[in-house]
Amino acid sequence: MPSDLPSDGSPFFAYGAALLTAMADRDRLVILRSLVDGEMSLNALSMLTGLGRLLCSQELATLQAAGLVHRRVERDTAYFSCRSEKVYKVLGALDEMEQKGA
């Protein structure tokens, strides 16, 4: 193992596993990619992604519990946004890998 990696007992691995687990779902990645451009309502996200409202809501709850998505309510409408630099970095890395054919 390279010397610059944390030891097996490091919180680095637990944190990394939790972050990647929260993102390790096609529907959640579609939602996160959609939120990169800005805040969206549940209805708009559901229509844009093609996911049903219930499934979209469930996936948003998972992302919110992981701290990757923020929820704001205005009157009767819930709006969601992603302001996580970690998410942007992971999505950027995935884009780069896809472009390189990795």
N, C-alpha and C. Protein backbone atom coordinates (compact mmCIF):
# COMPACT_ATOMS: atom_id res chain seq x y z
N MET A 1 0.85 -1.17 0.00
CA MET A 1 0.00 0.00 0.00
C MET A 1 0.89 1.23 0.00
N PRO A 2 0.60 2.24 -0.84
CA PRO A 2 1.42 3.45 -0.85
C PRO A 2 1.40 4.13 0.51
N SER A 3 2.52 4.72 0.88
CA SER A 3 2.65 5.30 2.21
C SER A 3 1.78 6.54 2.42
N ASP A 4 1.30 7.18 1.35
CA ASP A 4 0.49 8.38 1.52
C ASP A 4 -0.99 8.09 1.76
N LEU A 5 -1.40 6.82 1.70
CA LEU A 5 -2.79 6.46 2.00
C LEU A 5 -2.99 6.35 3.50
N PRO A 6 -4.16 6.74 3.99
CA PRO A 6 -4.44 6.58 5.42
C PRO A 6 -4.48 5.11 5.81
N SER A 7 -4.30 4.84 7.09
CA SER A 7 -4.36 3.46 7.58
C SER A 7 -5.79 2.95 7.46
N ASP A 8 -5.95 1.62 7.55
CA ASP A 8 -7.27 1.01 7.42
C ASP A 8 -8.28 1.54 8.44
N GLY A 9 -7.81 1.96 9.60
CA GLY A 9 -8.71 2.46 10.65
C GLY A 9 -9.08 3.92 10.48
N SER A 10 -8.60 4.56 9.44
CA SER A 10 -8.83 5.98 9.24
C SER A 10 -10.29 6.28 8.88
N PRO A 11 -10.80 7.42 9.35
CA PRO A 11 -12.15 7.85 8.96
C PRO A 11 -12.25 8.13 7.46
N PHE A 12 -11.12 8.30 6.79
CA PHE A 12 -11.09 8.53 5.35
C PHE A 12 -11.89 7.46 4.60
N PHE A 13 -11.68 6.20 4.95
CA PHE A 13 -12.35 5.11 4.25
C PHE A 13 -13.83 5.06 4.56
N ALA A 14 -14.20 5.31 5.81
CA ALA A 14 -15.62 5.32 6.19
C ALA A 14 -16.34 6.46 5.49
N TYR A 15 -15.70 7.63 5.48
CA TYR A 15 -16.29 8.79 4.81
C TYR A 15 -16.43 8.54 3.31
N GLY A 16 -15.37 8.05 2.69
CA GLY A 16 -15.40 7.77 1.25
C GLY A 16 -16.46 6.76 0.89
N ALA A 17 -16.57 5.71 1.71
CA ALA A 17 -17.57 4.67 1.45
C ALA A 17 -18.99 5.24 1.59
N ALA A 18 -19.21 6.10 2.57
CA ALA A 18 -20.54 6.69 2.77
C ALA A 18 -20.90 7.62 1.61
N LEU A 19 -19.95 8.43 1.17
CA LEU A 19 -20.20 9.33 0.06
C LEU A 19 -20.49 8.56 -1.22
N LEU A 20 -19.66 7.59 -1.52
CA LEU A 20 -19.85 6.83 -2.76
C LEU A 20 -21.10 5.95 -2.71
N THR A 21 -21.44 5.44 -1.54
CA THR A 21 -22.66 4.65 -1.40
C THR A 21 -23.89 5.52 -1.69
N ALA A 22 -23.88 6.75 -1.16
CA ALA A 22 -25.01 7.65 -1.40
C ALA A 22 -25.15 7.98 -2.88
N MET A 23 -24.05 8.02 -3.60
CA MET A 23 -24.08 8.38 -5.02
C MET A 23 -24.16 7.16 -5.94
N ALA A 24 -24.03 5.98 -5.38
CA ALA A 24 -23.91 4.75 -6.18
C ALA A 24 -25.25 4.21 -6.64
N ASP A 25 -25.97 5.03 -7.36
CA ASP A 25 -27.26 4.63 -7.90
C ASP A 25 -27.50 5.47 -9.15
N ARG A 26 -27.90 4.83 -10.23
CA ARG A 26 -28.10 5.55 -11.48
C ARG A 26 -29.07 6.72 -11.34
N ASP A 27 -30.21 6.47 -10.67
CA ASP A 27 -31.22 7.52 -10.53
C ASP A 27 -30.70 8.70 -9.70
N ARG A 28 -29.95 8.40 -8.64
CA ARG A 28 -29.39 9.48 -7.82
C ARG A 28 -28.36 10.28 -8.60
N LEU A 29 -27.56 9.61 -9.44
CA LEU A 29 -26.60 10.33 -10.28
C LEU A 29 -27.31 11.24 -11.29
N VAL A 30 -28.41 10.74 -11.85
CA VAL A 30 -29.20 11.56 -12.79
C VAL A 30 -29.73 12.80 -12.07
N ILE A 31 -30.23 12.62 -10.87
CA ILE A 31 -30.76 13.75 -10.08
C ILE A 31 -29.65 14.74 -9.77
N LEU A 32 -28.52 14.23 -9.29
CA LEU A 32 -27.40 15.12 -8.95
C LEU A 32 -26.91 15.88 -10.17
N ARG A 33 -26.80 15.20 -11.29
CA ARG A 33 -26.36 15.86 -12.53
C ARG A 33 -27.35 16.96 -12.90
N SER A 34 -28.63 16.71 -12.70
CA SER A 34 -29.65 17.71 -13.02
C SER A 34 -29.56 18.93 -12.10
N LEU A 35 -29.18 18.70 -10.85
CA LEU A 35 -29.11 19.79 -9.88
C LEU A 35 -27.83 20.61 -9.99
N VAL A 36 -26.87 20.15 -10.76
CA VAL A 36 -25.62 20.90 -10.93
C VAL A 36 -25.92 22.28 -11.53
N ASP A 37 -26.92 22.35 -12.40
CA ASP A 37 -27.26 23.61 -13.06
C ASP A 37 -28.08 24.55 -12.19
N GLY A 38 -28.55 24.08 -11.05
CA GLY A 38 -29.29 24.96 -10.16
C GLY A 38 -30.47 24.28 -9.49
N GLU A 39 -31.12 25.04 -8.66
CA GLU A 39 -32.25 24.56 -7.87
C GLU A 39 -33.42 24.17 -8.76
N MET A 40 -34.11 23.09 -8.37
CA MET A 40 -35.28 22.62 -9.12
C MET A 40 -36.34 22.11 -8.15
N SER A 41 -37.59 22.23 -8.57
CA SER A 41 -38.68 21.67 -7.79
C SER A 41 -38.75 20.16 -8.02
N LEU A 42 -39.46 19.48 -7.14
CA LEU A 42 -39.65 18.04 -7.29
C LEU A 42 -40.34 17.74 -8.61
N ASN A 43 -41.36 18.51 -8.95
CA ASN A 43 -42.07 18.28 -10.21
C ASN A 43 -41.15 18.44 -11.42
N ALA A 44 -40.35 19.51 -11.42
CA ALA A 44 -39.44 19.76 -12.54
C ALA A 44 -38.39 18.65 -12.64
N LEU A 45 -37.86 18.23 -11.49
CA LEU A 45 -36.87 17.14 -11.49
C LEU A 45 -37.48 15.85 -12.02
N SER A 46 -38.67 15.56 -11.58
CA SER A 46 -39.36 14.35 -12.01
C SER A 46 -39.57 14.35 -13.53
N MET A 47 -39.99 15.48 -14.06
CA MET A 47 -40.23 15.58 -15.51
C MET A 47 -38.91 15.52 -16.28
N LEU A 48 -37.89 16.23 -15.81
CA LEU A 48 -36.61 16.27 -16.50
C LEU A 48 -35.92 14.91 -16.53
N THR A 49 -35.97 14.21 -15.41
CA THR A 49 -35.25 12.94 -15.29
C THR A 49 -36.06 11.75 -15.80
N GLY A 50 -37.38 11.93 -15.91
CA GLY A 50 -38.22 10.82 -16.32
C GLY A 50 -38.53 9.86 -15.18
N LEU A 51 -38.13 10.22 -13.99
CA LEU A 51 -38.43 9.40 -12.82
C LEU A 51 -39.80 9.80 -12.27
N GLY A 52 -40.54 8.85 -11.79
CA GLY A 52 -41.82 9.17 -11.17
C GLY A 52 -41.60 10.03 -9.93
N ARG A 53 -42.64 10.76 -9.55
CA ARG A 53 -42.52 11.65 -8.38
C ARG A 53 -42.13 10.89 -7.12
N LEU A 54 -42.73 9.72 -6.91
CA LEU A 54 -42.44 8.95 -5.69
C LEU A 54 -40.98 8.50 -5.67
N LEU A 55 -40.51 7.93 -6.77
CA LEU A 55 -39.12 7.47 -6.82
C LEU A 55 -38.16 8.65 -6.69
N CYS A 56 -38.46 9.73 -7.38
CA CYS A 56 -37.62 10.92 -7.31
C CYS A 56 -37.56 11.44 -5.87
N SER A 57 -38.69 11.47 -5.21
CA SER A 57 -38.76 11.92 -3.82
C SER A 57 -37.95 11.02 -2.90
N GLN A 58 -38.04 9.71 -3.10
CA GLN A 58 -37.28 8.76 -2.28
C GLN A 58 -35.78 8.94 -2.48
N GLU A 59 -35.36 9.09 -3.72
CA GLU A 59 -33.93 9.27 -4.00
C GLU A 59 -33.43 10.61 -3.45
N LEU A 60 -34.24 11.65 -3.55
CA LEU A 60 -33.88 12.94 -2.97
C LEU A 60 -33.74 12.85 -1.45
N ALA A 61 -34.60 12.07 -0.81
CA ALA A 61 -34.50 11.89 0.64
C ALA A 61 -33.19 11.21 1.01
N THR A 62 -32.78 10.22 0.22
CA THR A 62 -31.50 9.55 0.47
C THR A 62 -30.34 10.53 0.32
N LEU A 63 -30.38 11.33 -0.74
CA LEU A 63 -29.32 12.30 -0.98
C LEU A 63 -29.31 13.39 0.10
N GLN A 64 -30.49 13.78 0.54
CA GLN A 64 -30.58 14.79 1.59
C GLN A 64 -30.04 14.24 2.91
N ALA A 65 -30.37 12.99 3.23
CA ALA A 65 -29.87 12.37 4.47
C ALA A 65 -28.35 12.27 4.46
N ALA A 66 -27.77 12.12 3.27
CA ALA A 66 -26.32 12.03 3.15
C ALA A 66 -25.67 13.42 3.12
N GLY A 67 -26.48 14.46 3.15
CA GLY A 67 -25.95 15.81 3.15
C GLY A 67 -25.52 16.31 1.78
N LEU A 68 -25.97 15.65 0.72
CA LEU A 68 -25.56 16.01 -0.62
C LEU A 68 -26.54 16.93 -1.33
N VAL A 69 -27.76 17.00 -0.80
CA VAL A 69 -28.81 17.82 -1.41
C VAL A 69 -29.47 18.64 -0.31
N HIS A 70 -29.80 19.88 -0.64
CA HIS A 70 -30.49 20.77 0.28
C HIS A 70 -31.94 20.93 -0.18
N ARG A 71 -32.86 20.95 0.77
CA ARG A 71 -34.29 21.10 0.47
C ARG A 71 -34.79 22.42 1.03
N ARG A 72 -35.54 23.14 0.22
CA ARG A 72 -36.15 24.40 0.62
C ARG A 72 -37.62 24.35 0.23
N VAL A 73 -38.48 24.77 1.15
CA VAL A 73 -39.92 24.76 0.87
C VAL A 73 -40.42 26.20 0.76
N GLU A 74 -41.15 26.44 -0.32
CA GLU A 74 -41.77 27.75 -0.53
C GLU A 74 -43.24 27.50 -0.84
N ARG A 75 -44.09 27.95 0.05
CA ARG A 75 -45.53 27.68 -0.04
C ARG A 75 -45.76 26.17 -0.10
N ASP A 76 -46.28 25.67 -1.20
CA ASP A 76 -46.58 24.23 -1.31
C ASP A 76 -45.55 23.48 -2.14
N THR A 77 -44.44 24.13 -2.47
CA THR A 77 -43.47 23.53 -3.39
C THR A 77 -42.13 23.33 -2.71
N ALA A 78 -41.59 22.12 -2.86
CA ALA A 78 -40.25 21.81 -2.35
C ALA A 78 -39.25 22.00 -3.48
N TYR A 79 -38.18 22.72 -3.18
CA TYR A 79 -37.10 22.95 -4.13
C TYR A 79 -35.84 22.28 -3.62
N PHE A 80 -35.08 21.72 -4.53
CA PHE A 80 -33.86 21.01 -4.16
C PHE A 80 -32.67 21.60 -4.88
N SER A 81 -31.53 21.59 -4.20
CA SER A 81 -30.30 22.08 -4.80
C SER A 81 -29.13 21.23 -4.30
N CYS A 82 -28.06 21.29 -5.04
CA CYS A 82 -26.83 20.60 -4.65
C CYS A 82 -25.72 21.63 -4.65
N ARG A 83 -25.18 21.87 -3.48
CA ARG A 83 -24.09 22.85 -3.35
C ARG A 83 -22.81 22.17 -2.87
N SER A 84 -22.77 20.87 -2.98
CA SER A 84 -21.65 20.10 -2.46
C SER A 84 -20.49 20.07 -3.45
N GLU A 85 -19.39 20.64 -3.06
CA GLU A 85 -18.18 20.60 -3.89
C GLU A 85 -17.73 19.16 -4.11
N LYS A 86 -17.98 18.30 -3.13
CA LYS A 86 -17.61 16.88 -3.25
C LYS A 86 -18.37 16.24 -4.42
N VAL A 87 -19.65 16.54 -4.52
CA VAL A 87 -20.46 15.99 -5.61
C VAL A 87 -19.94 16.49 -6.95
N TYR A 88 -19.64 17.78 -7.03
CA TYR A 88 -19.12 18.34 -8.28
C TYR A 88 -17.82 17.64 -8.69
N LYS A 89 -16.97 17.37 -7.72
CA LYS A 89 -15.69 16.72 -8.02
C LYS A 89 -15.89 15.28 -8.50
N VAL A 90 -16.78 14.55 -7.83
CA VAL A 90 -17.04 13.16 -8.25
C VAL A 90 -17.67 13.13 -9.64
N LEU A 91 -18.65 13.99 -9.88
CA LEU A 91 -19.28 14.03 -11.20
C LEU A 91 -18.27 14.45 -12.28
N GLY A 92 -17.40 15.38 -11.95
CA GLY A 92 -16.35 15.78 -12.88
C GLY A 92 -15.40 14.64 -13.19
N ALA A 93 -15.04 13.88 -12.17
CA ALA A 93 -14.16 12.72 -12.38
C ALA A 93 -14.85 11.67 -13.25
N LEU A 94 -16.14 11.46 -13.04
CA LEU A 94 -16.88 10.51 -13.87
C LEU A 94 -16.94 10.98 -15.32
N ASP A 95 -17.17 12.27 -15.52
CA ASP A 95 -17.18 12.83 -16.87
C ASP A 95 -15.82 12.61 -17.55
N GLU A 96 -14.77 12.87 -16.82
CA GLU A 96 -13.42 12.72 -17.37
C GLU A 96 -13.15 11.27 -17.74
N MET A 97 -13.54 10.34 -16.87
CA MET A 97 -13.34 8.92 -17.17
C MET A 97 -14.13 8.48 -18.40
N GLU A 98 -15.36 9.00 -18.50
CA GLU A 98 -16.20 8.65 -19.65
C GLU A 98 -15.58 9.18 -20.95
N GLN A 99 -15.06 10.38 -20.91
CA GLN A 99 -14.45 10.99 -22.09
C GLN A 99 -13.20 10.23 -22.52
N LYS A 100 -12.47 9.71 -21.55
CA LYS A 100 -11.24 8.98 -21.85
C LYS A 100 -11.52 7.50 -22.16
N GLY A 101 -12.77 7.11 -22.00
CA GLY A 101 -13.12 5.71 -22.28
C GLY A 101 -12.66 4.74 -21.21
N ALA A 102 -12.48 5.26 -20.00
CA ALA A 102 -12.00 4.41 -18.89
C ALA A 102 -13.12 3.57 -18.34
